Amino acid sequence: VQMVESGGGMVQAGGSLRLSCAASGLTIWYLTMAWYRQTPGQERTLVARLRWMDNSTFYIDSVKGRFTITKDNARNTIYLQMTSLKPEDTAIYYCNEDPHDAGYWGRGTQVTVSS
């Protein structure tokens, strides 16, 4: 199994980015997938979740209304559209199942938001 995250970069506060996560070795359409993020010295934490059975979503309070998680089953890819970015969104972003599988972590993609 391999997760390859991409789409990160450096943006100014208020900007937008769209992250992608291409999964191989597993089929995401029947899995609950999620985006996580991690800052130096902190634990990796859940940011957003998409349930496969009903396409319901969950977001942590700090990103509600700004981030949107979606997926493309045909491409076996999940996305995270991030708008109105804030400096506190700066982190490395990863995708994985929820609950996460320790063996599925990819390298992540760095998002840096400047004020």
N, C-alpha and C. Protein backbone atom coordinates (compact mmCIF):
# COMPACT_ATOMS: atom_id res chain seq x y z
N VAL A 1 0.85 -1.19 0.00
CA VAL A 1 0.00 0.00 0.00
C VAL A 1 0.88 1.24 0.00
N GLN A 2 0.48 2.20 -0.81
CA GLN A 2 1.23 3.45 -0.89
C GLN A 2 0.26 4.61 -1.02
N MET A 3 0.52 5.65 -0.22
CA MET A 3 -0.22 6.90 -0.32
C MET A 3 0.77 7.97 -0.77
N VAL A 4 0.40 8.67 -1.83
CA VAL A 4 1.28 9.73 -2.33
C VAL A 4 0.52 11.04 -2.30
N GLU A 5 0.92 11.89 -1.36
CA GLU A 5 0.29 13.20 -1.22
C GLU A 5 1.01 14.24 -2.08
N SER A 6 0.24 15.18 -2.58
CA SER A 6 0.81 16.25 -3.38
C SER A 6 -0.08 17.47 -3.31
N GLY A 7 0.43 18.59 -3.84
CA GLY A 7 -0.37 19.80 -3.92
C GLY A 7 -0.04 20.85 -2.89
N GLY A 8 0.83 20.53 -1.97
CA GLY A 8 1.21 21.52 -0.95
C GLY A 8 2.04 22.63 -1.55
N GLY A 9 2.33 23.61 -0.72
CA GLY A 9 3.14 24.74 -1.17
C GLY A 9 3.11 25.86 -0.17
N MET A 10 3.62 27.00 -0.63
CA MET A 10 3.65 28.19 0.22
C MET A 10 2.64 29.19 -0.31
N VAL A 11 1.76 29.66 0.56
CA VAL A 11 0.74 30.64 0.18
C VAL A 11 0.64 31.69 1.27
N GLN A 12 0.07 32.82 0.90
CA GLN A 12 -0.21 33.85 1.89
C GLN A 12 -1.53 33.56 2.57
N ALA A 13 -1.69 34.10 3.74
CA ALA A 13 -2.95 33.96 4.46
C ALA A 13 -4.10 34.41 3.56
N GLY A 14 -5.17 33.63 3.60
CA GLY A 14 -6.31 33.91 2.74
C GLY A 14 -6.29 33.17 1.42
N GLY A 15 -5.17 32.56 1.13
CA GLY A 15 -5.04 31.82 -0.12
C GLY A 15 -5.66 30.44 -0.07
N SER A 16 -5.52 29.73 -1.18
CA SER A 16 -6.13 28.39 -1.31
C SER A 16 -5.12 27.40 -1.86
N LEU A 17 -5.33 26.16 -1.50
CA LEU A 17 -4.56 25.05 -2.05
C LEU A 17 -5.47 23.85 -2.18
N ARG A 18 -5.16 22.97 -3.11
CA ARG A 18 -5.89 21.71 -3.24
C ARG A 18 -4.89 20.57 -3.14
N LEU A 19 -5.04 19.79 -2.10
CA LEU A 19 -4.17 18.64 -1.89
C LEU A 19 -4.78 17.40 -2.53
N SER A 20 -3.91 16.53 -3.03
CA SER A 20 -4.34 15.26 -3.59
C SER A 20 -3.61 14.13 -2.90
N CYS A 21 -4.26 12.99 -2.84
CA CYS A 21 -3.64 11.78 -2.29
C CYS A 21 -4.02 10.62 -3.19
N ALA A 22 -3.04 10.13 -3.91
CA ALA A 22 -3.25 8.98 -4.79
C ALA A 22 -2.91 7.71 -4.03
N ALA A 23 -3.88 6.81 -3.93
CA ALA A 23 -3.69 5.57 -3.19
C ALA A 23 -3.45 4.43 -4.17
N SER A 24 -2.53 3.56 -3.82
CA SER A 24 -2.31 2.34 -4.59
C SER A 24 -2.18 1.17 -3.63
N GLY A 25 -2.58 0.01 -4.10
CA GLY A 25 -2.53 -1.17 -3.25
C GLY A 25 -3.75 -1.37 -2.40
N LEU A 26 -4.70 -0.44 -2.47
CA LEU A 26 -5.97 -0.60 -1.78
C LEU A 26 -7.01 0.20 -2.56
N THR A 27 -8.27 -0.14 -2.34
CA THR A 27 -9.36 0.52 -3.04
C THR A 27 -10.10 1.41 -2.07
N ILE A 28 -10.12 2.71 -2.34
CA ILE A 28 -10.65 3.65 -1.35
C ILE A 28 -12.16 3.72 -1.31
N TRP A 29 -12.84 3.20 -2.33
CA TRP A 29 -14.28 3.49 -2.40
C TRP A 29 -15.04 2.89 -1.22
N TYR A 30 -14.51 1.82 -0.62
CA TYR A 30 -15.21 1.23 0.51
C TYR A 30 -14.49 1.48 1.83
N LEU A 31 -13.65 2.49 1.86
CA LEU A 31 -12.90 2.83 3.06
C LEU A 31 -13.25 4.24 3.53
N THR A 32 -13.24 4.44 4.82
CA THR A 32 -13.33 5.78 5.36
C THR A 32 -11.93 6.39 5.30
N MET A 33 -11.81 7.46 4.53
CA MET A 33 -10.51 8.07 4.32
C MET A 33 -10.45 9.42 5.03
N ALA A 34 -9.25 9.84 5.32
CA ALA A 34 -9.09 11.07 6.10
C ALA A 34 -7.80 11.78 5.75
N TRP A 35 -7.79 13.05 6.07
CA TRP A 35 -6.58 13.87 6.02
C TRP A 35 -6.16 14.17 7.46
N TYR A 36 -4.86 14.13 7.65
CA TYR A 36 -4.26 14.42 8.94
C TYR A 36 -3.19 15.50 8.72
N ARG A 37 -2.77 16.13 9.80
CA ARG A 37 -1.67 17.08 9.69
C ARG A 37 -0.81 17.02 10.94
N GLN A 38 0.43 17.43 10.74
CA GLN A 38 1.40 17.38 11.83
C GLN A 38 2.33 18.57 11.75
N THR A 39 2.56 19.18 12.89
CA THR A 39 3.53 20.26 13.01
C THR A 39 4.70 19.77 13.86
N PRO A 40 5.86 20.41 13.75
CA PRO A 40 7.04 19.94 14.50
C PRO A 40 6.77 19.84 15.99
N GLY A 41 7.13 18.70 16.55
CA GLY A 41 6.97 18.49 17.98
C GLY A 41 5.57 18.12 18.42
N GLN A 42 4.66 18.04 17.47
CA GLN A 42 3.28 17.71 17.81
C GLN A 42 2.88 16.37 17.20
N GLU A 43 1.84 15.79 17.75
CA GLU A 43 1.32 14.54 17.19
C GLU A 43 0.55 14.82 15.91
N ARG A 44 0.49 13.80 15.07
CA ARG A 44 -0.32 13.88 13.87
C ARG A 44 -1.79 13.84 14.28
N THR A 45 -2.59 14.75 13.75
CA THR A 45 -3.99 14.82 14.16
C THR A 45 -4.93 14.81 12.96
N LEU A 46 -6.12 14.33 13.21
CA LEU A 46 -7.14 14.26 12.17
C LEU A 46 -7.62 15.67 11.82
N VAL A 47 -7.80 15.92 10.54
CA VAL A 47 -8.32 17.20 10.07
C VAL A 47 -9.71 17.03 9.47
N ALA A 48 -9.88 16.01 8.63
CA ALA A 48 -11.16 15.81 7.95
C ALA A 48 -11.30 14.34 7.60
N ARG A 49 -12.55 13.88 7.57
CA ARG A 49 -12.86 12.48 7.32
C ARG A 49 -14.01 12.38 6.33
N LEU A 50 -13.94 11.36 5.48
CA LEU A 50 -15.03 11.09 4.53
C LEU A 50 -15.41 9.63 4.65
N ARG A 51 -16.64 9.37 5.08
CA ARG A 51 -17.12 8.00 5.24
C ARG A 51 -17.57 7.43 3.91
N TRP A 52 -17.16 6.19 3.65
CA TRP A 52 -17.47 5.61 2.34
C TRP A 52 -18.95 5.25 2.21
N MET A 53 -19.58 4.83 3.32
CA MET A 53 -20.92 4.25 3.22
C MET A 53 -21.99 5.28 2.88
N ASP A 54 -21.78 6.53 3.31
CA ASP A 54 -22.81 7.53 3.04
C ASP A 54 -22.23 8.86 2.58
N ASN A 55 -20.93 8.89 2.35
CA ASN A 55 -20.23 10.11 1.95
C ASN A 55 -20.38 11.25 2.95
N SER A 56 -20.67 10.91 4.19
CA SER A 56 -20.73 11.96 5.20
C SER A 56 -19.32 12.41 5.55
N THR A 57 -19.23 13.64 6.00
CA THR A 57 -17.92 14.22 6.30
C THR A 57 -17.85 14.72 7.73
N PHE A 58 -16.62 14.82 8.22
CA PHE A 58 -16.33 15.38 9.52
C PHE A 58 -15.14 16.30 9.37
N TYR A 59 -15.20 17.44 10.05
CA TYR A 59 -14.08 18.37 10.06
C TYR A 59 -13.83 18.84 11.49
N ILE A 60 -12.58 19.05 11.80
CA ILE A 60 -12.31 19.65 13.09
C ILE A 60 -12.81 21.10 13.05
N ASP A 61 -13.11 21.63 14.21
CA ASP A 61 -13.75 22.95 14.28
C ASP A 61 -12.94 24.04 13.58
N SER A 62 -11.63 23.97 13.69
CA SER A 62 -10.80 25.05 13.17
C SER A 62 -10.78 25.14 11.64
N VAL A 63 -11.25 24.08 10.95
CA VAL A 63 -11.24 24.13 9.49
C VAL A 63 -12.63 24.09 8.89
N LYS A 64 -13.64 23.96 9.71
CA LYS A 64 -15.02 23.92 9.21
C LYS A 64 -15.34 25.17 8.40
N GLY A 65 -15.96 24.93 7.25
CA GLY A 65 -16.32 26.05 6.39
C GLY A 65 -15.18 26.52 5.49
N ARG A 66 -13.98 26.01 5.73
CA ARG A 66 -12.82 26.42 4.91
C ARG A 66 -12.26 25.25 4.11
N PHE A 67 -12.30 24.05 4.66
CA PHE A 67 -11.74 22.87 4.01
C PHE A 67 -12.86 21.96 3.53
N THR A 68 -12.63 21.26 2.43
CA THR A 68 -13.59 20.30 1.90
C THR A 68 -12.85 19.05 1.46
N ILE A 69 -13.28 17.91 1.99
CA ILE A 69 -12.69 16.62 1.60
C ILE A 69 -13.60 15.95 0.59
N THR A 70 -13.01 15.46 -0.47
CA THR A 70 -13.76 14.75 -1.51
C THR A 70 -12.92 13.58 -2.00
N LYS A 71 -13.52 12.76 -2.84
CA LYS A 71 -12.76 11.65 -3.40
C LYS A 71 -13.23 11.36 -4.82
N ASP A 72 -12.35 10.73 -5.57
CA ASP A 72 -12.66 10.26 -6.91
C ASP A 72 -12.37 8.77 -6.91
N ASN A 73 -13.42 7.96 -6.84
CA ASN A 73 -13.22 6.51 -6.75
C ASN A 73 -12.54 5.96 -8.00
N ALA A 74 -12.87 6.52 -9.14
CA ALA A 74 -12.29 6.03 -10.39
C ALA A 74 -10.77 6.25 -10.41
N ARG A 75 -10.33 7.34 -9.81
CA ARG A 75 -8.90 7.65 -9.76
C ARG A 75 -8.24 7.14 -8.49
N ASN A 76 -9.07 6.57 -7.59
CA ASN A 76 -8.55 6.09 -6.30
C ASN A 76 -7.77 7.19 -5.58
N THR A 77 -8.36 8.37 -5.58
CA THR A 77 -7.68 9.57 -5.07
C THR A 77 -8.62 10.35 -4.17
N ILE A 78 -8.07 10.89 -3.09
CA ILE A 78 -8.85 11.79 -2.25
C ILE A 78 -8.23 13.18 -2.31
N TYR A 79 -9.03 14.17 -2.03
CA TYR A 79 -8.62 15.56 -2.16
C TYR A 79 -8.96 16.33 -0.89
N LEU A 80 -8.25 17.40 -0.70
CA LEU A 80 -8.59 18.35 0.36
C LEU A 80 -8.47 19.74 -0.22
N GLN A 81 -9.62 20.36 -0.45
CA GLN A 81 -9.65 21.73 -0.92
C GLN A 81 -9.58 22.63 0.31
N MET A 82 -8.58 23.49 0.32
CA MET A 82 -8.36 24.36 1.48
C MET A 82 -8.47 25.81 1.01
N THR A 83 -9.35 26.55 1.63
CA THR A 83 -9.53 27.97 1.31
C THR A 83 -9.36 28.80 2.58
N SER A 84 -9.25 30.09 2.37
CA SER A 84 -9.08 31.03 3.50
C SER A 84 -8.02 30.52 4.47
N LEU A 85 -6.90 30.13 3.92
CA LEU A 85 -5.85 29.53 4.74
C LEU A 85 -5.30 30.52 5.76
N LYS A 86 -4.94 29.96 6.91
CA LYS A 86 -4.40 30.74 8.01
C LYS A 86 -3.01 30.24 8.36
N PRO A 87 -2.19 31.08 8.97
CA PRO A 87 -0.84 30.61 9.36
C PRO A 87 -0.89 29.36 10.24
N GLU A 88 -1.93 29.22 11.06
CA GLU A 88 -2.01 28.04 11.91
C GLU A 88 -2.34 26.76 11.16
N ASP A 89 -2.63 26.88 9.87
CA ASP A 89 -2.82 25.68 9.03
C ASP A 89 -1.48 25.13 8.54
N THR A 90 -0.40 25.83 8.79
CA THR A 90 0.92 25.37 8.38
C THR A 90 1.23 24.03 9.04
N ALA A 91 1.56 23.03 8.20
CA ALA A 91 1.80 21.68 8.70
C ALA A 91 2.17 20.80 7.51
N ILE A 92 2.57 19.58 7.83
CA ILE A 92 2.67 18.54 6.81
C ILE A 92 1.35 17.80 6.82
N TYR A 93 0.76 17.64 5.66
CA TYR A 93 -0.55 17.00 5.53
C TYR A 93 -0.38 15.59 4.96
N TYR A 94 -1.08 14.65 5.57
CA TYR A 94 -1.03 13.25 5.18
C TYR A 94 -2.45 12.72 4.97
N CYS A 95 -2.56 11.66 4.17
CA CYS A 95 -3.84 10.97 4.06
C CYS A 95 -3.67 9.54 4.56
N ASN A 96 -4.76 8.98 4.98
CA ASN A 96 -4.75 7.61 5.51
C ASN A 96 -6.20 7.21 5.73
N GLU A 97 -6.39 5.97 6.09
CA GLU A 97 -7.71 5.56 6.52
C GLU A 97 -8.01 6.21 7.88
N ASP A 98 -9.28 6.08 8.27
CA ASP A 98 -9.67 6.45 9.63
C ASP A 98 -10.52 5.30 10.18
N PRO A 99 -10.08 4.64 11.24
CA PRO A 99 -8.84 4.85 11.97
C PRO A 99 -7.61 4.59 11.08
N HIS A 100 -6.54 5.29 11.34
CA HIS A 100 -5.38 5.18 10.46
C HIS A 100 -4.69 3.83 10.63
N ASP A 101 -4.04 3.43 9.56
CA ASP A 101 -3.21 2.23 9.57
C ASP A 101 -1.76 2.71 9.57
N ALA A 102 -1.00 2.27 10.55
CA ALA A 102 0.37 2.77 10.71
C ALA A 102 1.23 2.46 9.50
N GLY A 103 0.87 1.43 8.76
CA GLY A 103 1.67 1.06 7.61
C GLY A 103 1.35 1.84 6.35
N TYR A 104 0.37 2.72 6.41
CA TYR A 104 -0.08 3.41 5.21
C TYR A 104 0.43 4.85 5.09
N TRP A 105 1.17 5.33 6.08
CA TRP A 105 1.59 6.72 6.01
C TRP A 105 2.52 6.97 4.83
N GLY A 106 2.22 8.03 4.08
CA GLY A 106 3.10 8.45 3.01
C GLY A 106 4.06 9.50 3.53
N ARG A 107 4.69 10.22 2.59
CA ARG A 107 5.64 11.25 2.99
C ARG A 107 4.96 12.56 3.34
N GLY A 108 3.72 12.70 2.95
CA GLY A 108 3.02 13.93 3.24
C GLY A 108 3.37 15.03 2.27
N THR A 109 2.65 16.14 2.40
CA THR A 109 2.92 17.32 1.58
C THR A 109 2.90 18.55 2.48
N GLN A 110 3.91 19.37 2.35
CA GLN A 110 4.08 20.52 3.23
C GLN A 110 3.20 21.68 2.78
N VAL A 111 2.47 22.22 3.73
CA VAL A 111 1.68 23.43 3.50
C VAL A 111 2.22 24.51 4.43
N THR A 112 2.59 25.63 3.85
CA THR A 112 3.12 26.74 4.62
C THR A 112 2.31 27.99 4.29
N VAL A 113 1.72 28.59 5.32
CA VAL A 113 0.88 29.77 5.14
C VAL A 113 1.56 30.94 5.86
N SER A 114 1.87 31.96 5.12
CA SER A 114 2.52 33.12 5.70
C SER A 114 1.49 34.21 6.00
N SER A 115 1.80 34.98 7.03
CA SER A 115 0.86 36.04 7.44
C SER A 115 1.14 37.33 6.69
